[in-house]
Amino acid sequence: MNDLEEIATLLGEPEPSAGAVARGRARLQQRARAGRARRRIGWFVPGVALAAAGAVAAVVFATGAPTNGGAPATGREVLLMAAVTAERTPQGSGTYWHVTRRWLASDAPPIESWTRRDGKRWTRAVPGDPADAVIQAPDWKTLRLKGAKVSFEELEGLPTEPEALKAWIVARKGEEADMSASEIRGDPTLTLLALITDLPTPAEVRSAAFRALAATPGVENAGAVEGGQRLRFPSPDGGSDIELVIDPEMARVVRANLVLVDDGDTAFSAGFISVTTEWTDQLPPAKES
């Protein structure tokens, strides 16, 4: 177990004991004194403060400023920090799961969707639809994962351990015509990315998905950018890398160049697509059928 995983384990306790806090503080202070030449965990520590109880915050602030000249954490560390935060950040609740995607290199209006727990779905600004109209989608055009329809209840029942979640993904059957080559051969990468980006995935499952992605060979951190850390994943289907901007303090994918959309489609941009998600109790003004 490395130092990041030790801190994640510490934060996994609902209310860390005074002894655990003291041990954590001592461990972090020892690392802070160990010398600047060694890469340390300082960058992600402020994020831990947001995810932790007040007692753990005392441990967090023991390290002070980022170490190693402000060098960013590795991609794996960013994903593990997001996993810690995700586990403590419920999605909330509401009548509709609302997703907004905006192509940042385009003047096109954002594409929005609202999905109700029974699978009914409404969209706005989908190419081919009337401008600014909220349209009820066909019944088959609802939440999908790895080429098959997925319900809110099924998402809520997904495994909460990384290996078990990957095994579920590999075993899941879908329509091959709606799947990428990597999904067909059982690679979990795109499905895991969908679980942390667009879908109404519960907190513990999101955490497991972040942890599973942290084990992806070749993931790297390209550094700090507006809104978070820019991560690169080798594409499981070849070609250009998949790039994400992840805010580990909020456990959110802020933007990406490839998004496996919640209705099963794939959205790609030579630049970035911003993604925002929320629960809401209202549709925009429109006649609901």
C-alpha atoms as a PDB file:
ATOM      1  CA  MET A   1       0.000   0.000   0.000  1.00  0.00           C
ATOM      2  CA  ASN A   2       1.491   3.371  -1.024  1.00  0.00           C
ATOM      3  CA  ASP A   3       1.082   6.674   0.827  1.00  0.00           C
ATOM      4  CA  LEU A   4      -1.882   7.805  -1.263  1.00  0.00           C
ATOM      5  CA  GLU A   5      -3.729   4.574  -0.560  1.00  0.00           C
ATOM      6  CA  GLU A   6      -2.929   4.903   3.131  1.00  0.00           C
ATOM      7  CA  ILE A   7      -4.484   8.376   3.168  1.00  0.00           C
ATOM      8  CA  ALA A   8      -7.481   7.077   1.192  1.00  0.00           C
ATOM      9  CA  THR A   9      -7.896   4.315   3.760  1.00  0.00           C
ATOM     10  CA  LEU A  10      -7.698   6.858   6.570  1.00  0.00           C
ATOM     11  CA  LEU A  11     -10.376   8.975   4.926  1.00  0.00           C
ATOM     12  CA  GLY A  12     -12.529   5.898   4.452  1.00  0.00           C
ATOM     13  CA  GLU A  13     -13.306   5.957   8.166  1.00  0.00           C
ATOM     14  CA  PRO A  14     -16.529   7.950   8.760  1.00  0.00           C
ATOM     15  CA  GLU A  15     -15.074   9.639  11.858  1.00  0.00           C
ATOM     16  CA  PRO A  16     -11.334   9.053  12.219  1.00  0.00           C
ATOM     17  CA  SER A  17     -10.182   8.562  15.770  1.00  0.00           C
ATOM     18  CA  ALA A  18      -7.792  10.963  17.483  1.00  0.00           C
ATOM     19  CA  GLY A  19      -5.118   8.269  17.237  1.00  0.00           C
ATOM     20  CA  ALA A  20      -5.639   7.883  13.491  1.00  0.00           C
ATOM     21  CA  VAL A  21      -5.429  11.651  13.045  1.00  0.00           C
ATOM     22  CA  ALA A  22      -2.216  11.823  15.044  1.00  0.00           C
ATOM     23  CA  ARG A  23      -0.654   8.956  13.110  1.00  0.00           C
ATOM     24  CA  GLY A  24      -1.647  10.533   9.805  1.00  0.00           C
ATOM     25  CA  ARG A  25      -0.282  13.922  10.836  1.00  0.00           C
ATOM     26  CA  ALA A  26       3.001  12.377  11.921  1.00  0.00           C
ATOM     27  CA  ARG A  27       3.299  10.433   8.672  1.00  0.00           C
ATOM     28  CA  LEU A  28       2.678  13.498   6.543  1.00  0.00           C
ATOM     29  CA  GLN A  29       5.035  15.666   8.574  1.00  0.00           C
ATOM     30  CA  GLN A  30       7.739  13.029   8.241  1.00  0.00           C
ATOM     31  CA  ARG A  31       7.297  13.075   4.458  1.00  0.00           C
ATOM     32  CA  ALA A  32       7.408  16.872   4.435  1.00  0.00           C
ATOM     33  CA  ARG A  33      10.803  16.747   6.165  1.00  0.00           C
ATOM     34  CA  ALA A  34      12.173  13.969   3.945  1.00  0.00           C
ATOM     35  CA  GLY A  35      13.610  16.337   1.311  1.00  0.00           C
ATOM     36  CA  ARG A  36      12.351  18.265  -1.715  1.00  0.00           C
ATOM     37  CA  ALA A  37      14.002  15.973  -4.254  1.00  0.00           C
ATOM     38  CA  ARG A  38      11.475  13.216  -3.631  1.00  0.00           C
ATOM     39  CA  ARG A  39       8.004  13.525  -5.216  1.00  0.00           C
ATOM     40  CA  ARG A  40       5.412  13.752  -2.449  1.00  0.00           C
ATOM     41  CA  ILE A  41       1.659  13.850  -2.075  1.00  0.00           C
ATOM     42  CA  GLY A  42       1.245  17.555  -1.412  1.00  0.00           C
ATOM     43  CA  TRP A  43      -0.713  18.429  -4.545  1.00  0.00           C
ATOM     44  CA  PHE A  44      -3.755  16.310  -3.795  1.00  0.00           C
ATOM     45  CA  VAL A  45      -3.840  16.998  -0.074  1.00  0.00           C
ATOM     46  CA  PRO A  46      -5.930  20.209  -0.358  1.00  0.00           C
ATOM     47  CA  GLY A  47      -8.557  18.142  -2.175  1.00  0.00           C
ATOM     48  CA  VAL A  48      -8.645  15.724   0.722  1.00  0.00           C
ATOM     49  CA  ALA A  49      -9.543  18.619   2.990  1.00  0.00           C
ATOM     50  CA  LEU A  50     -12.722  19.211   1.022  1.00  0.00           C
ATOM     51  CA  ALA A  51     -13.688  15.564   1.240  1.00  0.00           C
ATOM     52  CA  ALA A  52     -12.876  14.958   4.868  1.00  0.00           C
ATOM     53  CA  ALA A  53     -14.273  15.677   8.296  1.00  0.00           C
ATOM     54  CA  GLY A  54     -12.756  18.451  10.394  1.00  0.00           C
ATOM     55  CA  ALA A  55     -10.537  16.038  12.310  1.00  0.00           C
ATOM     56  CA  VAL A  56      -8.902  14.869   9.099  1.00  0.00           C
ATOM     57  CA  ALA A  57      -8.420  18.454   7.946  1.00  0.00           C
ATOM     58  CA  ALA A  58      -5.889  18.808  10.763  1.00  0.00           C
ATOM     59  CA  VAL A  59      -3.898  16.040   9.079  1.00  0.00           C
ATOM     60  CA  VAL A  60      -4.257  17.670   5.670  1.00  0.00           C
ATOM     61  CA  PHE A  61      -2.886  21.052   6.628  1.00  0.00           C
ATOM     62  CA  ALA A  62       0.188  19.505   8.237  1.00  0.00           C
ATOM     63  CA  THR A  63       1.892  19.310   4.821  1.00  0.00           C
ATOM     64  CA  GLY A  64       1.448  22.940   3.809  1.00  0.00           C
ATOM     65  CA  ALA A  65       2.151  23.928   0.188  1.00  0.00           C
ATOM     66  CA  PRO A  66       2.569  21.551  -2.774  1.00  0.00           C
ATOM     67  CA  THR A  67       5.915  19.797  -2.840  1.00  0.00           C
ATOM     68  CA  ASN A  68       8.600  19.183  -5.463  1.00  0.00           C
ATOM     69  CA  GLY A  69       8.366  22.694  -6.853  1.00  0.00           C
ATOM     70  CA  GLY A  70       4.602  22.415  -7.373  1.00  0.00           C
ATOM     71  CA  ALA A  71       4.863  19.389  -9.690  1.00  0.00           C
ATOM     72  CA  PRO A  72       1.467  17.798 -10.418  1.00  0.00           C
ATOM     73  CA  ALA A  73       0.464  14.412  -9.104  1.00  0.00           C
ATOM     74  CA  THR A  74       0.521  11.465 -11.475  1.00  0.00           C
ATOM     75  CA  GLY A  75      -2.593  10.541 -13.418  1.00  0.00           C
ATOM     76  CA  ARG A  76      -3.102   7.587 -11.116  1.00  0.00           C
ATOM     77  CA  GLU A  77      -2.952   9.811  -8.040  1.00  0.00           C
ATOM     78  CA  VAL A  78      -5.463  12.274  -9.502  1.00  0.00           C
ATOM     79  CA  LEU A  79      -7.899   9.426 -10.167  1.00  0.00           C
ATOM     80  CA  LEU A  80      -7.439   7.946  -6.694  1.00  0.00           C
ATOM     81  CA  MET A  81      -8.022  11.340  -5.109  1.00  0.00           C
ATOM     82  CA  ALA A  82     -11.210  11.704  -7.176  1.00  0.00           C
ATOM     83  CA  ALA A  83     -12.224   8.244  -5.943  1.00  0.00           C
ATOM     84  CA  VAL A  84     -11.908   9.356  -2.310  1.00  0.00           C
ATOM     85  CA  THR A  85     -13.985  12.458  -3.026  1.00  0.00           C
ATOM     86  CA  ALA A  86     -16.594  10.581  -5.087  1.00  0.00           C
ATOM     87  CA  GLU A  87     -17.324   8.157  -2.279  1.00  0.00           C
ATOM     88  CA  ARG A  88     -18.304  11.098  -0.048  1.00  0.00           C
ATOM     89  CA  THR A  89     -20.209  13.074  -2.711  1.00  0.00           C
ATOM     90  CA  PRO A  90     -23.724  11.727  -3.392  1.00  0.00           C
ATOM     91  CA  GLN A  91     -25.286  12.738  -6.701  1.00  0.00           C
ATOM     92  CA  GLY A  92     -28.371  14.165  -5.015  1.00  0.00           C
ATOM     93  CA  SER A  93     -31.900  13.496  -6.184  1.00  0.00           C
ATOM     94  CA  GLY A  94     -34.622  14.838  -8.419  1.00  0.00           C
ATOM     95  CA  THR A  95     -37.173  13.923 -11.058  1.00  0.00           C
ATOM     96  CA  TYR A  96     -34.896  14.213 -14.087  1.00  0.00           C
ATOM     97  CA  TRP A  97     -31.214  13.498 -14.668  1.00  0.00           C
ATOM     98  CA  HIS A  98     -30.087  16.557 -16.649  1.00  0.00           C
ATOM     99  CA  VAL A  99     -26.928  16.454 -18.774  1.00  0.00           C
ATOM    100  CA  THR A 100     -25.525  19.378 -20.776  1.00  0.00           C
ATOM    101  CA  ARG A 101     -22.746  18.966 -23.343  1.00  0.00           C
ATOM    102  CA  ARG A 102     -21.159  21.962 -25.029  1.00  0.00           C
ATOM    103  CA  TRP A 103     -18.636  21.777 -27.874  1.00  0.00           C
ATOM    104  CA  LEU A 104     -16.103  24.402 -26.818  1.00  0.00           C
ATOM    105  CA  ALA A 105     -14.629  24.886 -30.301  1.00  0.00           C
ATOM    106  CA  SER A 106     -18.055  25.516 -31.841  1.00  0.00           C
ATOM    107  CA  ASP A 107     -20.777  28.158 -31.711  1.00  0.00           C
ATOM    108  CA  ALA A 108     -23.437  25.444 -31.791  1.00  0.00           C
ATOM    109  CA  PRO A 109     -25.878  25.482 -28.873  1.00  0.00           C
ATOM    110  CA  PRO A 110     -25.306  22.965 -26.092  1.00  0.00           C
ATOM    111  CA  ILE A 111     -27.022  19.595 -26.396  1.00  0.00           C
ATOM    112  CA  GLU A 112     -29.151  18.769 -23.368  1.00  0.00           C
ATOM    113  CA  SER A 113     -31.035  15.731 -22.132  1.00  0.00           C
ATOM    114  CA  TRP A 114     -33.446  15.090 -19.260  1.00  0.00           C
ATOM    115  CA  THR A 115     -34.048  11.450 -18.294  1.00  0.00           C
ATOM    116  CA  ARG A 116     -36.748  10.352 -15.869  1.00  0.00           C
ATOM    117  CA  ARG A 117     -36.414   7.296 -13.638  1.00  0.00           C
ATOM    118  CA  ASP A 118     -38.874   5.346 -15.814  1.00  0.00           C
ATOM    119  CA  GLY A 119     -36.519   5.824 -18.781  1.00  0.00           C
ATOM    120  CA  LYS A 120     -38.519   8.538 -20.541  1.00  0.00           C
ATOM    121  CA  ARG A 121     -36.189  11.088 -22.074  1.00  0.00           C
ATOM    122  CA  TRP A 122     -36.340  14.621 -23.470  1.00  0.00           C
ATOM    123  CA  THR A 123     -33.657  16.388 -25.490  1.00  0.00           C
ATOM    124  CA  ARG A 124     -32.848  19.847 -26.823  1.00  0.00           C
ATOM    125  CA  ALA A 125     -30.544  20.953 -29.660  1.00  0.00           C
ATOM    126  CA  VAL A 126     -29.846  17.435 -30.929  1.00  0.00           C
ATOM    127  CA  PRO A 127     -28.806  17.790 -34.611  1.00  0.00           C
ATOM    128  CA  GLY A 128     -31.871  17.523 -36.808  1.00  0.00           C
ATOM    129  CA  ASP A 129     -34.346  18.635 -34.123  1.00  0.00           C
ATOM    130  CA  PRO A 130     -36.179  21.977 -34.324  1.00  0.00           C
ATOM    131  CA  ALA A 131     -34.129  24.807 -32.866  1.00  0.00           C
ATOM    132  CA  ASP A 132     -34.533  25.304 -29.103  1.00  0.00           C
ATOM    133  CA  ALA A 133     -37.411  22.821 -28.882  1.00  0.00           C
ATOM    134  CA  VAL A 134     -37.563  20.231 -26.099  1.00  0.00           C
ATOM    135  CA  ILE A 135     -38.391  16.926 -27.796  1.00  0.00           C
ATOM    136  CA  GLN A 136     -39.493  13.674 -26.202  1.00  0.00           C
ATOM    137  CA  ALA A 137     -37.150  10.979 -27.486  1.00  0.00           C
ATOM    138  CA  PRO A 138     -38.300   7.548 -28.703  1.00  0.00           C
ATOM    139  CA  ASP A 139     -38.640   4.931 -25.990  1.00  0.00           C
ATOM    140  CA  TRP A 140     -35.488   3.096 -27.065  1.00  0.00           C
ATOM    141  CA  LYS A 141     -33.438   6.292 -26.830  1.00  0.00           C
ATOM    142  CA  THR A 142     -32.814   6.199 -23.107  1.00  0.00           C
ATOM    143  CA  LEU A 143     -29.901   5.454 -20.777  1.00  0.00           C
ATOM    144  CA  ARG A 144     -27.578   2.889 -22.336  1.00  0.00           C
ATOM    145  CA  LEU A 145     -24.304   1.284 -21.316  1.00  0.00           C
ATOM    146  CA  LYS A 146     -22.090  -1.013 -23.390  1.00  0.00           C
ATOM    147  CA  GLY A 147     -24.671  -1.382 -26.140  1.00  0.00           C
ATOM    148  CA  ALA A 148     -27.672  -2.123 -23.934  1.00  0.00           C
ATOM    149  CA  LYS A 149     -30.386  -0.271 -22.067  1.00  0.00           C
ATOM    150  CA  VAL A 150     -29.554   0.356 -18.421  1.00  0.00           C
ATOM    151  CA  SER A 151     -32.017   1.439 -15.739  1.00  0.00           C
ATOM    152  CA  PHE A 152     -31.460   3.752 -12.791  1.00  0.00           C
ATOM    153  CA  GLU A 153     -32.012   0.755 -10.514  1.00  0.00           C
ATOM    154  CA  GLU A 154     -29.358  -1.275 -12.319  1.00  0.00           C
ATOM    155  CA  LEU A 155     -26.843   1.562 -12.012  1.00  0.00           C
ATOM    156  CA  GLU A 156     -27.603   1.816  -8.302  1.00  0.00           C
ATOM    157  CA  GLY A 157     -26.903  -1.900  -7.892  1.00  0.00           C
ATOM    158  CA  LEU A 158     -23.532  -2.011  -9.646  1.00  0.00           C
ATOM    159  CA  PRO A 159     -20.518  -3.444  -7.781  1.00  0.00           C
ATOM    160  CA  THR A 160     -18.664  -0.999  -5.557  1.00  0.00           C
ATOM    161  CA  GLU A 161     -15.260  -2.697  -5.750  1.00  0.00           C
ATOM    162  CA  PRO A 162     -13.044  -1.932  -8.785  1.00  0.00           C
ATOM    163  CA  GLU A 163     -12.306  -5.525  -9.812  1.00  0.00           C
ATOM    164  CA  ALA A 164     -15.916  -6.615  -9.356  1.00  0.00           C
ATOM    165  CA  LEU A 165     -17.083  -3.616 -11.379  1.00  0.00           C
ATOM    166  CA  LYS A 166     -14.703  -4.444 -14.218  1.00  0.00           C
ATOM    167  CA  ALA A 167     -15.866  -8.062 -14.141  1.00  0.00           C
ATOM    168  CA  TRP A 168     -19.491  -6.901 -14.407  1.00  0.00           C
ATOM    169  CA  ILE A 169     -18.590  -4.751 -17.406  1.00  0.00           C
ATOM    170  CA  VAL A 170     -16.772  -7.598 -19.144  1.00  0.00           C
ATOM    171  CA  ALA A 171     -19.731  -9.954 -18.574  1.00  0.00           C
ATOM    172  CA  ARG A 172     -22.359  -7.435 -19.705  1.00  0.00           C
ATOM    173  CA  LYS A 173     -24.001  -8.255 -23.031  1.00  0.00           C
ATOM    174  CA  GLY A 174     -25.167  -5.662 -25.530  1.00  0.00           C
ATOM    175  CA  GLU A 175     -25.843  -5.125 -29.199  1.00  0.00           C
ATOM    176  CA  GLU A 176     -22.485  -5.350 -30.947  1.00  0.00           C
ATOM    177  CA  ALA A 177     -23.667  -2.832 -33.563  1.00  0.00           C
ATOM    178  CA  ASP A 178     -23.854  -0.278 -30.737  1.00  0.00           C
ATOM    179  CA  MET A 179     -20.464  -1.098 -29.221  1.00  0.00           C
ATOM    180  CA  SER A 180     -16.883  -0.147 -30.003  1.00  0.00           C
ATOM    181  CA  ALA A 181     -14.331  -2.817 -30.875  1.00  0.00           C
ATOM    182  CA  SER A 182     -12.765  -2.470 -27.419  1.00  0.00           C
ATOM    183  CA  GLU A 183     -16.131  -2.931 -25.714  1.00  0.00           C
ATOM    184  CA  ILE A 184     -16.823  -6.049 -27.798  1.00  0.00           C
ATOM    185  CA  ARG A 185     -13.545  -7.634 -26.730  1.00  0.00           C
ATOM    186  CA  GLY A 186     -14.226  -6.812 -23.073  1.00  0.00           C
ATOM    187  CA  ASP A 187     -12.025  -3.775 -22.441  1.00  0.00           C
ATOM    188  CA  PRO A 188     -13.752  -1.802 -19.636  1.00  0.00           C
ATOM    189  CA  THR A 189     -12.158   1.611 -20.295  1.00  0.00           C
ATOM    190  CA  LEU A 190     -14.938   3.351 -22.245  1.00  0.00           C
ATOM    191  CA  THR A 191     -17.648   1.957 -19.991  1.00  0.00           C
ATOM    192  CA  LEU A 192     -15.812   3.157 -16.892  1.00  0.00           C
ATOM    193  CA  LEU A 193     -15.453   6.615 -18.441  1.00  0.00           C
ATOM    194  CA  ALA A 194     -19.204   6.688 -19.106  1.00  0.00           C
ATOM    195  CA  LEU A 195     -19.885   5.847 -15.456  1.00  0.00           C
ATOM    196  CA  ILE A 196     -17.910   8.879 -14.236  1.00  0.00           C
ATOM    197  CA  THR A 197     -18.986  11.328 -16.953  1.00  0.00           C
ATOM    198  CA  ASP A 198     -22.636  11.260 -18.041  1.00  0.00           C
ATOM    199  CA  LEU A 199     -24.556   8.613 -16.156  1.00  0.00           C
ATOM    200  CA  PRO A 200     -26.420   8.988 -12.815  1.00  0.00           C
ATOM    201  CA  THR A 201     -23.994   6.657 -11.072  1.00  0.00           C
ATOM    202  CA  PRO A 202     -24.209   6.454  -7.247  1.00  0.00           C
ATOM    203  CA  ALA A 203     -21.298   7.642  -5.134  1.00  0.00           C
ATOM    204  CA  GLU A 204     -19.703   4.299  -4.243  1.00  0.00           C
ATOM    205  CA  VAL A 205     -19.914   3.027  -7.817  1.00  0.00           C
ATOM    206  CA  ARG A 206     -18.333   6.252  -9.124  1.00  0.00           C
ATOM    207  CA  SER A 207     -15.552   5.776  -6.597  1.00  0.00           C
ATOM    208  CA  ALA A 208     -14.985   2.214  -7.814  1.00  0.00           C
ATOM    209  CA  ALA A 209     -14.893   3.420 -11.425  1.00  0.00           C
ATOM    210  CA  PHE A 210     -12.263   6.048 -10.606  1.00  0.00           C
ATOM    211  CA  ARG A 211     -10.173   3.423  -8.808  1.00  0.00           C
ATOM    212  CA  ALA A 212     -10.472   1.017 -11.724  1.00  0.00           C
ATOM    213  CA  LEU A 213      -9.407   3.728 -14.176  1.00  0.00           C
ATOM    214  CA  ALA A 214      -6.421   4.540 -11.953  1.00  0.00           C
ATOM    215  CA  ALA A 215      -5.061   1.089 -12.814  1.00  0.00           C
ATOM    216  CA  THR A 216      -5.257   1.748 -16.578  1.00  0.00           C
ATOM    217  CA  PRO A 217      -1.802   1.272 -18.142  1.00  0.00           C
ATOM    218  CA  GLY A 218      -0.419   4.455 -19.662  1.00  0.00           C
ATOM    219  CA  VAL A 219      -2.675   7.007 -17.942  1.00  0.00           C
ATOM    220  CA  GLU A 220      -0.738  10.220 -17.388  1.00  0.00           C
ATOM    221  CA  ASN A 221      -1.295  13.700 -16.039  1.00  0.00           C
ATOM    222  CA  ALA A 222      -0.516  16.469 -18.549  1.00  0.00           C
ATOM    223  CA  GLY A 223      -0.716  19.080 -15.790  1.00  0.00           C
ATOM    224  CA  ALA A 224      -3.003  21.644 -14.233  1.00  0.00           C
ATOM    225  CA  VAL A 225      -5.462  23.498 -16.471  1.00  0.00           C
ATOM    226  CA  GLU A 226      -8.535  25.594 -15.830  1.00  0.00           C
ATOM    227  CA  GLY A 227     -10.958  23.511 -13.800  1.00  0.00           C
ATOM    228  CA  GLY A 228      -8.689  20.645 -12.838  1.00  0.00           C
ATOM    229  CA  GLN A 229      -6.003  18.259 -14.083  1.00  0.00           C
ATOM    230  CA  ARG A 230      -5.671  17.204 -17.715  1.00  0.00           C
ATOM    231  CA  LEU A 231      -5.349  13.429 -17.987  1.00  0.00           C
ATOM    232  CA  ARG A 232      -4.515  11.332 -21.042  1.00  0.00           C
ATOM    233  CA  PHE A 233      -5.570   7.725 -21.606  1.00  0.00           C
ATOM    234  CA  PRO A 234      -4.349   5.588 -24.497  1.00  0.00           C
ATOM    235  CA  SER A 235      -7.407   4.899 -26.640  1.00  0.00           C
ATOM    236  CA  PRO A 236      -8.451   1.246 -26.266  1.00  0.00           C
ATOM    237  CA  ASP A 237      -9.493   1.368 -29.924  1.00  0.00           C
ATOM    238  CA  GLY A 238      -6.251   2.927 -31.197  1.00  0.00           C
ATOM    239  CA  GLY A 239      -5.811   6.385 -32.635  1.00  0.00           C
ATOM    240  CA  SER A 240      -5.670   9.606 -30.677  1.00  0.00           C
ATOM    241  CA  ASP A 241      -5.461   9.588 -26.901  1.00  0.00           C
ATOM    242  CA  ILE A 242      -8.579  10.195 -24.831  1.00  0.00           C
ATOM    243  CA  GLU A 243      -8.163  13.416 -22.860  1.00  0.00           C
ATOM    244  CA  LEU A 244     -10.158  14.427 -19.783  1.00  0.00           C
ATOM    245  CA  VAL A 245     -10.043  17.382 -17.450  1.00  0.00           C
ATOM    246  CA  ILE A 246     -10.893  16.045 -13.997  1.00  0.00           C
ATOM    247  CA  ASP A 247     -11.544  18.118 -10.909  1.00  0.00           C
ATOM    248  CA  PRO A 248     -10.474  15.670  -8.177  1.00  0.00           C
ATOM    249  CA  GLU A 249     -11.829  17.940  -5.426  1.00  0.00           C
ATOM    250  CA  MET A 250     -15.340  17.552  -6.887  1.00  0.00           C
ATOM    251  CA  ALA A 251     -14.819  14.105  -8.491  1.00  0.00           C
ATOM    252  CA  ARG A 252     -16.125  15.461 -11.788  1.00  0.00           C
ATOM    253  CA  VAL A 253     -15.134  15.197 -15.430  1.00  0.00           C
ATOM    254  CA  VAL A 254     -15.216  18.857 -16.421  1.00  0.00           C
ATOM    255  CA  ARG A 255     -14.540  18.350 -20.127  1.00  0.00           C
ATOM    256  CA  ALA A 256     -13.259  15.678 -22.493  1.00  0.00           C
ATOM    257  CA  ASN A 257     -12.382  15.145 -26.135  1.00  0.00           C
ATOM    258  CA  LEU A 258     -14.370  11.889 -26.232  1.00  0.00           C
ATOM    259  CA  VAL A 259     -17.643  11.307 -24.400  1.00  0.00           C
ATOM    260  CA  LEU A 260     -19.570   8.049 -24.392  1.00  0.00           C
ATOM    261  CA  VAL A 261     -22.978   9.719 -24.201  1.00  0.00           C
ATOM    262  CA  ASP A 262     -25.565   8.402 -21.754  1.00  0.00           C
ATOM    263  CA  ASP A 263     -27.825   7.217 -24.594  1.00  0.00           C
ATOM    264  CA  GLY A 264     -25.003   5.079 -25.995  1.00  0.00           C
ATOM    265  CA  ASP A 265     -23.798   7.434 -28.725  1.00  0.00           C
ATOM    266  CA  THR A 266     -20.193   8.626 -28.912  1.00  0.00           C
ATOM    267  CA  ALA A 267     -19.358  12.328 -29.035  1.00  0.00           C
ATOM    268  CA  PHE A 268     -15.911  13.444 -30.186  1.00  0.00           C
ATOM    269  CA  SER A 269     -14.235  16.822 -30.549  1.00  0.00           C
ATOM    270  CA  ALA A 270     -10.845  17.893 -31.846  1.00  0.00           C
ATOM    271  CA  GLY A 271     -10.990  20.345 -28.924  1.00  0.00           C
ATOM    272  CA  PHE A 272     -13.038  19.640 -25.834  1.00  0.00           C
ATOM    273  CA  ILE A 273     -16.643  18.960 -24.879  1.00  0.00           C
ATOM    274  CA  SER A 274     -17.712  20.387 -21.543  1.00  0.00           C
ATOM    275  CA  VAL A 275     -20.020  18.177 -19.496  1.00  0.00           C
ATOM    276  CA  THR A 276     -22.260  19.219 -16.628  1.00  0.00           C
ATOM    277  CA  THR A 277     -24.722  16.965 -14.819  1.00  0.00           C
ATOM    278  CA  GLU A 278     -27.383  17.565 -12.195  1.00  0.00           C
ATOM    279  CA  TRP A 279     -30.691  16.381 -10.839  1.00  0.00           C
ATOM    280  CA  THR A 280     -33.638  18.675 -11.459  1.00  0.00           C
ATOM    281  CA  ASP A 281     -37.371  18.565 -10.806  1.00  0.00           C
ATOM    282  CA  GLN A 282     -38.402  20.534 -13.903  1.00  0.00           C
ATOM    283  CA  LEU A 283     -38.231  20.320 -17.653  1.00  0.00           C
ATOM    284  CA  PRO A 284     -37.830  23.572 -19.620  1.00  0.00           C
ATOM    285  CA  PRO A 285     -41.175  25.041 -20.711  1.00  0.00           C
ATOM    286  CA  ALA A 286     -42.618  22.525 -23.155  1.00  0.00           C
ATOM    287  CA  LYS A 287     -45.650  20.298 -23.450  1.00  0.00           C
ATOM    288  CA  GLU A 288     -44.827  16.946 -21.834  1.00  0.00           C
ATOM    289  CA  SER A 289     -46.559  13.992 -23.438  1.00  0.00           C
END
